Amino acid sequence: MRVLWVCNIVLPRIAEKLGMPKSNKEGWLSGISEAMLSEKENRVTLGVCFPVEQEKDGICGEADGLSYYGFYEDTLHPENYDAGLEGRLAKILEDFQPDVVHVFGTEFPHTLAMAKVFGKKDKLLISVQGICSEIAKNYTVGIPTAVCKKETFRDWLKKDNILKQQEKFVMRGENEKAALSLTGNVAGRTAWDKRILEKRAKDAKYFKWNETLRSNFYGKEWSLQKCEKHSIFVSQGNYTIKGLHFALQAMPEILKKFPDAKMYVAGDKITAYSSLKDKIKIGTYGQYLLKLISENGLQEKIVFLGKQDAEEMCGQFLKSHVFLSASLIENSANSVGEAMLMGVPVVSSEVGGVSSLFEGEKEGLFYPVEDRSKLAQQIIRIFENDDLAEGLSAAAKQRAAVTHHPETNYERLLEIYHEINVCV
């Protein structure tokens, strides 16, 4: 069976062949592709296509048995549909001649373009990760209207303040809806995405397919004795949807009970403001976060770590007393899965599909997304109660070991491909 993947990234094996930087994102795709390529049974002949810069449009070749194709796409402006993608993807289809096409994600125009040009609806599978239209609806939750309307110099220059960012997700959501209406098969992993896909992809068959996480997070175990007590880890806060503003507003209540508490935030340092360049580059959301830090006296309590590779992220998880997911909306947050896999106690907003990942009070703790006080109280509960922390840890590890089991998820994917390929 010949399967063509349409990905958002260049897989490491291909990046090495082309002398391109390796991405830290979507590491689980590498694991699946390597498993396919090493199979003795050769059940799948895999090809991969991915966006590249304009000067690399049309590159193709083979990297140790893996066929690859690059197509130009303006990934900096994914809200704009480029009809030229249809011709570029048509050439790839003509060359590779796939039995099944599997598109990962709905957030870029190439998903819609592939849905239009493949021409075999029943042989097209779209995996849903986030859902752009739902992100758009929730993009400004908890942010004052005046902040949403404000523009820094950077926002004015890029035409990209918070409201305009939200508008772009609305546009991406329209492309997403169009793509889903053109496919015969969708893959998801939560009760929430299933409900949405039953409306958006009415004629498509829904397949449940759990995600395998990055290899770094398997075989590692969190220990209460070895972690930094009263530390909170937030894996990302560089745009509104991750809800860092709620986390910052909850910190004063946590600090009243635990004055030594600290919050560590990974990802781009959007609050950087020490140099002239920083001040020119800062966006409205970054400014708002700085304001919250200042108003709540958190300057010594919030540590922005910057970008972390998978191994650094793994280390920060293990150092932390609590992992916090404060997102305004999520489907199945990989960061929650990574924390659970290693047994880091999880506190999460109860949004989207996260309730499919763990059972509240048993495998993690939930709070209503806009309830800053409840957020603080759930973290305080773990800080105060070692038995609760260790109980959540053990139960979460057991649950995640099943949800994110690599071999089980790999075999499930091959079952899905087989079912699609033999359909009449």
Protein backbone atom coordinates (compact mmCIF):
# COMPACT_ATOMS: atom_id res chain seq x y z
CA MET A 1 0.00 0.00 0.00
CA ARG A 2 1.39 3.40 -1.02
CA VAL A 3 0.66 6.15 1.51
CA LEU A 4 1.50 9.82 1.04
CA TRP A 5 1.80 11.98 4.13
CA VAL A 6 1.20 15.73 3.97
CA CYS A 7 3.03 17.24 6.95
CA ASN A 8 3.67 20.70 8.39
CA ILE A 9 7.35 19.95 9.03
CA VAL A 10 10.37 18.36 7.41
CA LEU A 11 11.06 15.01 9.07
CA PRO A 12 14.57 14.75 10.61
CA ARG A 13 15.73 12.02 8.19
CA ILE A 14 14.88 14.30 5.25
CA ALA A 15 16.22 17.45 6.91
CA GLU A 16 19.58 15.73 7.42
CA LYS A 17 19.66 14.65 3.78
CA LEU A 18 18.92 18.21 2.61
CA GLY A 19 21.15 19.97 5.14
CA MET A 20 18.15 21.73 6.68
CA PRO A 21 17.56 22.49 10.38
CA LYS A 22 15.78 19.71 12.26
CA SER A 23 12.45 20.62 13.83
CA ASN A 24 11.67 19.92 17.49
CA LYS A 25 7.97 19.81 16.66
CA GLU A 26 5.83 16.77 15.91
CA GLY A 27 8.58 14.36 16.98
CA TRP A 28 6.03 11.54 17.09
CA LEU A 29 5.83 11.66 13.27
CA SER A 30 9.47 10.64 13.13
CA GLY A 31 8.76 7.65 15.35
CA ILE A 32 5.91 6.43 13.17
CA SER A 33 7.80 6.94 9.91
CA GLU A 34 10.89 5.16 11.24
CA ALA A 35 8.72 2.21 12.33
CA MET A 36 7.21 1.98 8.85
CA LEU A 37 10.58 2.13 7.14
CA SER A 38 12.09 -0.56 9.39
CA GLU A 39 9.24 -3.05 8.97
CA LYS A 40 10.27 -6.39 7.49
CA GLU A 41 6.75 -6.94 6.16
CA ASN A 42 6.85 -3.65 4.19
CA ARG A 43 3.13 -3.15 4.74
CA VAL A 44 3.40 0.52 3.72
CA THR A 45 5.47 2.31 1.11
CA LEU A 46 5.68 5.82 2.52
CA GLY A 47 6.10 9.16 0.81
CA VAL A 48 6.16 12.52 2.56
CA CYS A 49 5.50 16.02 1.27
CA PHE A 50 5.94 19.26 3.21
CA PRO A 51 6.08 23.07 2.83
CA VAL A 52 9.37 24.69 1.83
CA GLU A 53 10.59 28.16 0.94
CA GLN A 54 9.89 29.36 -2.60
CA GLU A 55 13.41 28.73 -3.88
CA LYS A 56 13.12 25.05 -2.84
CA ASP A 57 9.74 24.46 -4.45
CA GLY A 58 9.69 21.14 -6.30
CA ILE A 59 12.61 19.49 -4.52
CA CYS A 60 12.22 15.73 -4.38
CA GLY A 61 14.27 12.64 -3.82
CA GLU A 62 14.79 9.73 -1.49
CA ALA A 63 16.29 9.66 2.00
CA ASP A 64 17.28 6.08 2.87
CA GLY A 65 14.12 4.61 1.39
CA LEU A 66 11.77 7.49 2.19
CA SER A 67 10.45 9.40 -0.83
CA TYR A 68 10.08 13.12 -0.19
CA TYR A 69 8.65 16.16 -1.96
CA GLY A 70 8.81 19.85 -1.06
CA PHE A 71 6.16 22.33 -2.17
CA TYR A 72 6.14 26.09 -1.71
CA GLU A 73 3.64 27.48 0.78
CA ASP A 74 3.56 30.82 2.58
CA THR A 75 3.43 29.40 6.11
CA LEU A 76 3.81 32.89 7.61
CA HIS A 77 0.33 33.80 6.36
CA PRO A 78 -1.65 30.55 6.67
CA GLU A 79 -4.94 32.44 6.65
CA ASN A 80 -4.53 33.14 2.92
CA TYR A 81 -5.49 30.37 0.53
CA ASP A 82 -3.07 29.99 -2.38
CA ALA A 83 -4.70 28.28 -5.38
CA GLY A 84 -1.21 27.65 -6.76
CA LEU A 85 -0.84 24.91 -4.15
CA GLU A 86 -3.25 22.79 -6.13
CA GLY A 87 -0.90 22.54 -9.11
CA ARG A 88 2.13 21.87 -6.91
CA LEU A 89 0.39 19.07 -5.03
CA ALA A 90 -1.07 17.61 -8.23
CA LYS A 91 2.48 17.05 -9.55
CA ILE A 92 3.41 15.22 -6.36
CA LEU A 93 0.33 13.00 -6.60
CA GLU A 94 1.10 12.22 -10.23
CA ASP A 95 4.65 11.18 -9.36
CA PHE A 96 4.02 9.16 -6.18
CA GLN A 97 0.66 7.62 -7.15
CA PRO A 98 -0.60 7.01 -3.59
CA ASP A 99 -3.34 4.59 -2.62
CA VAL A 100 -4.08 6.67 0.49
CA VAL A 101 -3.29 10.31 1.31
CA HIS A 102 -2.97 11.23 4.99
CA VAL A 103 -2.95 14.95 5.85
CA PHE A 104 -1.81 15.87 9.38
CA GLY A 105 -3.68 18.90 10.68
CA THR A 106 -6.15 21.40 9.27
CA GLU A 107 -4.35 24.64 10.09
CA PHE A 108 -2.60 25.28 6.76
CA PRO A 109 -4.02 25.87 3.25
CA HIS A 110 -2.31 22.75 1.89
CA THR A 111 -5.00 20.65 3.61
CA LEU A 112 -7.74 22.25 1.53
CA ALA A 113 -5.59 22.17 -1.61
CA MET A 114 -4.94 18.45 -1.24
CA ALA A 115 -8.61 17.78 -0.55
CA LYS A 116 -9.45 19.57 -3.80
CA VAL A 117 -6.89 17.93 -6.09
CA PHE A 118 -6.64 14.33 -4.85
CA GLY A 119 -10.01 13.46 -6.33
CA LYS A 120 -10.47 10.27 -4.27
CA LYS A 121 -12.53 11.36 -1.29
CA ASP A 122 -12.78 7.86 0.17
CA LYS A 123 -8.98 7.48 0.10
CA LEU A 124 -8.25 10.78 1.86
CA LEU A 125 -7.64 10.86 5.62
CA ILE A 126 -7.34 14.13 7.56
CA SER A 127 -6.04 13.97 11.12
CA VAL A 128 -7.38 16.73 13.32
CA GLN A 129 -4.99 18.28 15.82
CA GLY A 130 -6.29 21.68 16.93
CA ILE A 131 -9.51 23.03 15.42
CA CYS A 132 -8.99 26.54 14.03
CA SER A 133 -12.62 27.61 14.13
CA GLU A 134 -12.80 26.75 17.84
CA ILE A 135 -9.52 28.55 18.52
CA ALA A 136 -11.02 31.64 16.88
CA LYS A 137 -14.08 31.52 19.14
CA ASN A 138 -11.97 31.36 22.30
CA TYR A 139 -9.00 33.50 21.30
CA THR A 140 -9.73 36.49 23.57
CA VAL A 141 -11.25 34.81 26.64
CA GLY A 142 -10.21 36.71 29.77
CA ILE A 143 -8.45 39.56 27.95
CA PRO A 144 -9.89 43.08 28.38
CA THR A 145 -11.45 44.56 25.23
CA ALA A 146 -9.13 47.57 25.39
CA VAL A 147 -6.10 45.25 25.29
CA CYS A 148 -7.53 43.31 22.36
CA LYS A 149 -7.98 46.54 20.38
CA LYS A 150 -4.59 48.01 21.26
CA GLU A 151 -1.64 48.02 18.82
CA THR A 152 2.07 48.18 19.58
CA PHE A 153 4.50 49.35 16.88
CA ARG A 154 5.13 45.69 16.03
CA ASP A 155 1.38 45.00 15.75
CA TRP A 156 0.81 48.05 13.57
CA LEU A 157 3.70 47.11 11.29
CA LYS A 158 2.59 43.49 10.90
CA LYS A 159 -1.15 44.27 11.04
CA ASP A 160 -1.31 41.67 13.76
CA ASN A 161 -2.79 42.81 17.06
CA ILE A 162 -4.89 40.40 19.14
CA LEU A 163 -8.15 41.06 17.27
CA LYS A 164 -6.44 40.67 13.89
CA GLN A 165 -4.84 37.44 15.06
CA GLN A 166 -8.31 36.24 15.96
CA GLU A 167 -9.61 37.26 12.52
CA LYS A 168 -6.86 35.20 10.92
CA PHE A 169 -8.00 32.13 12.84
CA VAL A 170 -11.53 32.80 11.61
CA MET A 171 -10.18 32.74 8.03
CA ARG A 172 -8.20 29.58 8.71
CA GLY A 173 -11.35 28.07 10.16
CA GLU A 174 -13.20 28.66 6.90
CA ASN A 175 -10.49 26.82 4.94
CA GLU A 176 -10.63 24.07 7.56
CA LYS A 177 -14.41 23.67 7.19
CA ALA A 178 -14.07 23.49 3.40
CA ALA A 179 -11.35 20.82 3.63
CA LEU A 180 -13.32 18.69 6.09
CA SER A 181 -16.35 18.78 3.81
CA LEU A 182 -14.24 17.25 1.03
CA THR A 183 -12.79 14.25 2.86
CA GLY A 184 -14.21 10.79 3.38
CA ASN A 185 -12.17 10.00 6.49
CA VAL A 186 -11.12 11.89 9.61
CA ALA A 187 -9.00 10.84 12.57
CA GLY A 188 -9.37 12.30 16.03
CA ARG A 189 -8.73 11.32 19.63
CA THR A 190 -11.25 12.96 21.94
CA ALA A 191 -15.01 12.97 22.49
CA TRP A 192 -14.91 16.72 21.82
CA ASP A 193 -13.31 16.53 18.37
CA LYS A 194 -15.66 13.66 17.47
CA ARG A 195 -18.70 15.85 18.19
CA ILE A 196 -17.31 18.69 16.09
CA LEU A 197 -16.25 16.47 13.20
CA GLU A 198 -19.68 14.86 13.06
CA LYS A 199 -20.98 18.33 12.15
CA ARG A 200 -18.09 19.58 9.98
CA ALA A 201 -17.37 16.35 8.10
CA LYS A 202 -20.87 14.87 7.97
CA ASP A 203 -20.09 12.38 5.20
CA ALA A 204 -16.74 11.26 6.62
CA LYS A 205 -15.96 8.17 8.65
CA TYR A 206 -14.46 8.98 12.06
CA PHE A 207 -11.47 6.95 13.25
CA LYS A 208 -10.22 7.09 16.84
CA TRP A 209 -6.42 7.26 16.81
CA ASN A 210 -4.44 8.15 19.90
CA GLU A 211 -1.18 10.02 19.52
CA THR A 212 2.28 8.67 20.23
CA LEU A 213 4.44 11.28 21.96
CA ARG A 214 8.05 12.28 21.44
CA SER A 215 10.45 9.45 22.33
CA ASN A 216 12.26 11.56 24.96
CA PHE A 217 9.28 11.32 27.32
CA TYR A 218 9.07 7.53 27.51
CA GLY A 219 10.81 5.67 30.33
CA LYS A 220 11.22 8.76 32.53
CA GLU A 221 9.64 9.02 35.99
CA TRP A 222 8.82 12.08 38.09
CA SER A 223 9.73 11.95 41.76
CA LEU A 224 8.31 14.18 44.48
CA GLN A 225 11.59 13.87 46.36
CA LYS A 226 13.66 15.11 43.40
CA CYS A 227 11.47 17.94 42.09
CA GLU A 228 11.78 21.63 42.98
CA LYS A 229 9.07 22.03 45.59
CA HIS A 230 6.32 24.59 44.86
CA SER A 231 7.42 25.03 41.24
CA ILE A 232 4.91 25.28 38.40
CA PHE A 233 5.74 24.52 34.77
CA VAL A 234 3.85 26.05 31.84
CA SER A 235 5.04 24.62 28.52
CA GLN A 236 4.01 27.54 26.33
CA GLY A 237 2.64 31.06 26.69
CA ASN A 238 3.53 32.86 23.50
CA TYR A 239 0.00 33.47 22.29
CA THR A 240 -3.33 34.12 23.96
CA ILE A 241 -4.84 30.69 23.54
CA LYS A 242 -2.37 29.18 26.04
CA GLY A 243 -3.96 31.26 28.82
CA LEU A 244 -0.80 32.52 30.52
CA HIS A 245 -2.71 35.64 31.58
CA PHE A 246 -4.95 33.50 33.80
CA ALA A 247 -1.93 31.72 35.29
CA LEU A 248 -0.27 35.04 36.19
CA GLN A 249 -3.48 36.31 37.81
CA ALA A 250 -3.67 33.14 39.94
CA MET A 251 -0.12 33.48 41.27
CA PRO A 252 -0.79 36.01 44.07
CA GLU A 253 -3.21 33.58 45.76
CA ILE A 254 -0.65 30.77 45.47
CA LEU A 255 2.09 33.01 46.87
CA LYS A 256 0.02 33.90 49.94
CA LYS A 257 0.16 30.25 50.93
CA PHE A 258 3.55 29.38 49.43
CA PRO A 259 5.78 32.49 49.22
CA ASP A 260 8.60 30.46 47.64
CA ALA A 261 6.47 29.34 44.66
CA LYS A 262 7.84 29.95 41.16
CA MET A 263 6.41 29.58 37.68
CA TYR A 264 8.62 28.50 34.77
CA VAL A 265 7.39 29.26 31.24
CA ALA A 266 8.91 27.65 28.12
CA GLY A 267 8.70 28.98 24.56
CA ASP A 268 9.41 32.27 22.83
CA LYS A 269 10.13 35.12 25.25
CA ILE A 270 7.34 37.41 24.08
CA THR A 271 7.75 39.59 27.19
CA ALA A 272 11.39 40.52 26.44
CA TYR A 273 11.76 44.28 26.97
CA SER A 274 15.36 45.03 27.96
CA SER A 275 16.80 46.30 24.66
CA LEU A 276 15.57 48.77 22.04
CA LYS A 277 15.09 45.84 19.67
CA ASP A 278 12.93 44.08 22.26
CA LYS A 279 10.78 47.17 22.72
CA ILE A 280 10.24 47.47 18.98
CA LYS A 281 9.38 43.77 18.64
CA ILE A 282 7.01 43.35 21.58
CA GLY A 283 3.34 42.70 20.78
CA THR A 284 0.24 43.70 22.69
CA TYR A 285 -0.11 40.34 24.41
CA GLY A 286 3.50 40.45 25.57
CA GLN A 287 2.90 43.95 26.96
CA TYR A 288 -0.25 42.77 28.74
CA LEU A 289 1.65 39.91 30.38
CA LEU A 290 4.34 42.36 31.54
CA LYS A 291 1.63 44.56 33.01
CA LEU A 292 0.18 41.61 34.96
CA ILE A 293 3.63 40.65 36.21
CA SER A 294 4.27 44.21 37.39
CA GLU A 295 0.84 44.75 38.98
CA ASN A 296 1.06 41.49 40.90
CA GLY A 297 4.71 41.88 41.93
CA LEU A 298 5.79 38.72 40.12
CA GLN A 299 9.10 39.91 38.68
CA GLU A 300 11.09 37.40 40.76
CA LYS A 301 8.46 34.67 40.55
CA ILE A 302 8.09 34.12 36.79
CA VAL A 303 11.01 32.61 34.86
CA PHE A 304 10.84 32.68 31.06
CA LEU A 305 13.01 29.82 29.80
CA GLY A 306 12.95 30.55 26.07
CA LYS A 307 12.76 27.83 23.43
CA GLN A 308 13.51 24.34 24.72
CA ASP A 309 14.31 21.22 22.74
CA ALA A 310 12.62 17.96 23.65
CA GLU A 311 15.31 16.90 26.12
CA GLU A 312 15.30 20.28 27.87
CA MET A 313 11.50 20.17 28.10
CA CYS A 314 11.68 16.69 29.56
CA GLY A 315 14.13 17.89 32.20
CA GLN A 316 11.93 20.85 33.14
CA PHE A 317 8.87 18.63 33.51
CA LEU A 318 10.77 16.35 35.89
CA LYS A 319 12.02 19.30 37.98
CA SER A 320 8.52 20.66 38.47
CA HIS A 321 6.09 20.07 41.32
CA VAL A 322 3.04 20.75 39.11
CA PHE A 323 2.43 21.01 35.38
CA LEU A 324 -0.18 23.64 34.50
CA SER A 325 -2.17 23.73 31.26
CA ALA A 326 -4.11 27.02 31.40
CA SER A 327 -5.29 26.92 27.78
CA LEU A 328 -8.44 28.70 26.67
CA ILE A 329 -9.15 25.77 24.33
CA GLU A 330 -7.35 22.51 23.54
CA ASN A 331 -8.20 19.29 21.78
CA SER A 332 -5.67 16.82 23.14
CA ALA A 333 -2.71 18.78 24.49
CA ASN A 334 0.51 16.86 23.92
CA SER A 335 2.06 18.69 26.86
CA VAL A 336 -0.59 17.23 29.19
CA GLY A 337 0.13 13.78 27.76
CA GLU A 338 3.88 14.25 28.24
CA ALA A 339 3.42 15.30 31.86
CA MET A 340 1.12 12.36 32.55
CA LEU A 341 3.44 9.88 30.86
CA MET A 342 6.20 10.82 33.30
CA GLY A 343 3.87 11.20 36.26
CA VAL A 344 4.11 14.97 36.76
CA PRO A 345 0.94 16.07 38.64
CA VAL A 346 -1.32 17.95 36.22
CA VAL A 347 -3.66 20.88 36.77
CA SER A 348 -5.63 21.83 33.65
CA SER A 349 -8.44 24.05 32.51
CA GLU A 350 -11.43 21.89 31.66
CA VAL A 351 -11.76 22.82 28.01
CA GLY A 352 -12.23 21.08 24.66
CA GLY A 353 -11.01 17.51 24.58
CA VAL A 354 -8.79 17.55 27.67
CA SER A 355 -11.41 15.69 29.71
CA SER A 356 -10.78 12.71 27.39
CA LEU A 357 -7.15 12.63 28.56
CA PHE A 358 -7.67 12.16 32.27
CA GLU A 359 -10.28 11.71 34.97
CA GLY A 360 -10.54 14.67 37.28
CA GLU A 361 -9.56 14.10 40.95
CA LYS A 362 -8.04 10.73 40.05
CA GLU A 363 -5.45 11.35 37.32
CA GLY A 364 -5.24 15.15 37.42
CA LEU A 365 -7.12 18.20 38.64
CA PHE A 366 -9.45 20.38 36.56
CA TYR A 367 -10.69 23.93 37.04
CA PRO A 368 -13.16 26.11 35.05
CA VAL A 369 -11.09 28.02 32.50
CA GLU A 370 -11.94 31.55 33.75
CA ASP A 371 -11.83 30.74 37.47
CA ARG A 372 -8.43 32.10 38.57
CA SER A 373 -9.12 31.30 42.22
CA LYS A 374 -9.99 27.67 41.50
CA LEU A 375 -6.83 27.41 39.39
CA ALA A 376 -4.79 28.62 42.37
CA GLN A 377 -6.63 26.32 44.79
CA GLN A 378 -5.97 23.21 42.69
CA ILE A 379 -2.24 23.94 42.61
CA ILE A 380 -2.23 24.67 46.35
CA ARG A 381 -3.93 21.31 47.00
CA ILE A 382 -1.04 19.49 45.35
CA PHE A 383 1.57 21.61 47.13
CA GLU A 384 -0.09 20.88 50.48
CA ASN A 385 -0.75 17.19 50.05
CA ASP A 386 2.07 14.82 49.11
CA ASP A 387 -0.28 11.83 49.10
CA LEU A 388 -2.51 13.59 46.56
CA ALA A 389 0.50 14.49 44.38
CA GLU A 390 1.83 10.94 44.37
CA GLY A 391 -1.62 9.42 43.84
CA LEU A 392 -2.28 11.64 40.82
CA SER A 393 1.19 10.84 39.50
CA ALA A 394 0.77 7.06 39.69
CA ALA A 395 -2.72 7.07 38.15
CA ALA A 396 -1.72 9.46 35.37
CA LYS A 397 1.28 7.33 34.39
CA GLN A 398 -0.91 4.25 34.18
CA ARG A 399 -3.50 6.04 32.00
CA ALA A 400 -0.95 7.68 29.69
CA ALA A 401 0.98 4.45 29.19
CA VAL A 402 -2.15 3.05 27.52
CA THR A 403 -3.23 6.19 25.63
CA HIS A 404 0.22 6.89 24.21
CA HIS A 405 1.48 3.31 23.74
CA PRO A 406 3.67 3.49 20.60
CA GLU A 407 3.13 -0.04 19.27
CA THR A 408 -0.63 0.02 19.89
CA ASN A 409 -1.03 3.38 18.17
CA TYR A 410 1.17 2.32 15.26
CA GLU A 411 -0.85 -0.83 14.63
CA ARG A 412 -4.06 1.18 14.90
CA LEU A 413 -2.83 3.55 12.19
CA LEU A 414 -2.06 0.63 9.86
CA GLU A 415 -5.56 -0.75 10.54
CA ILE A 416 -7.04 2.61 9.53
CA TYR A 417 -4.96 2.71 6.32
CA HIS A 418 -6.01 -0.84 5.46
CA GLU A 419 -9.70 -0.09 6.03
CA ILE A 420 -9.51 3.04 3.86
CA ASN A 421 -7.56 1.30 1.11
CA VAL A 422 -9.94 -1.62 0.74
CA CYS A 423 -13.13 0.47 0.90
CA VAL A 424 -15.37 0.33 -2.17
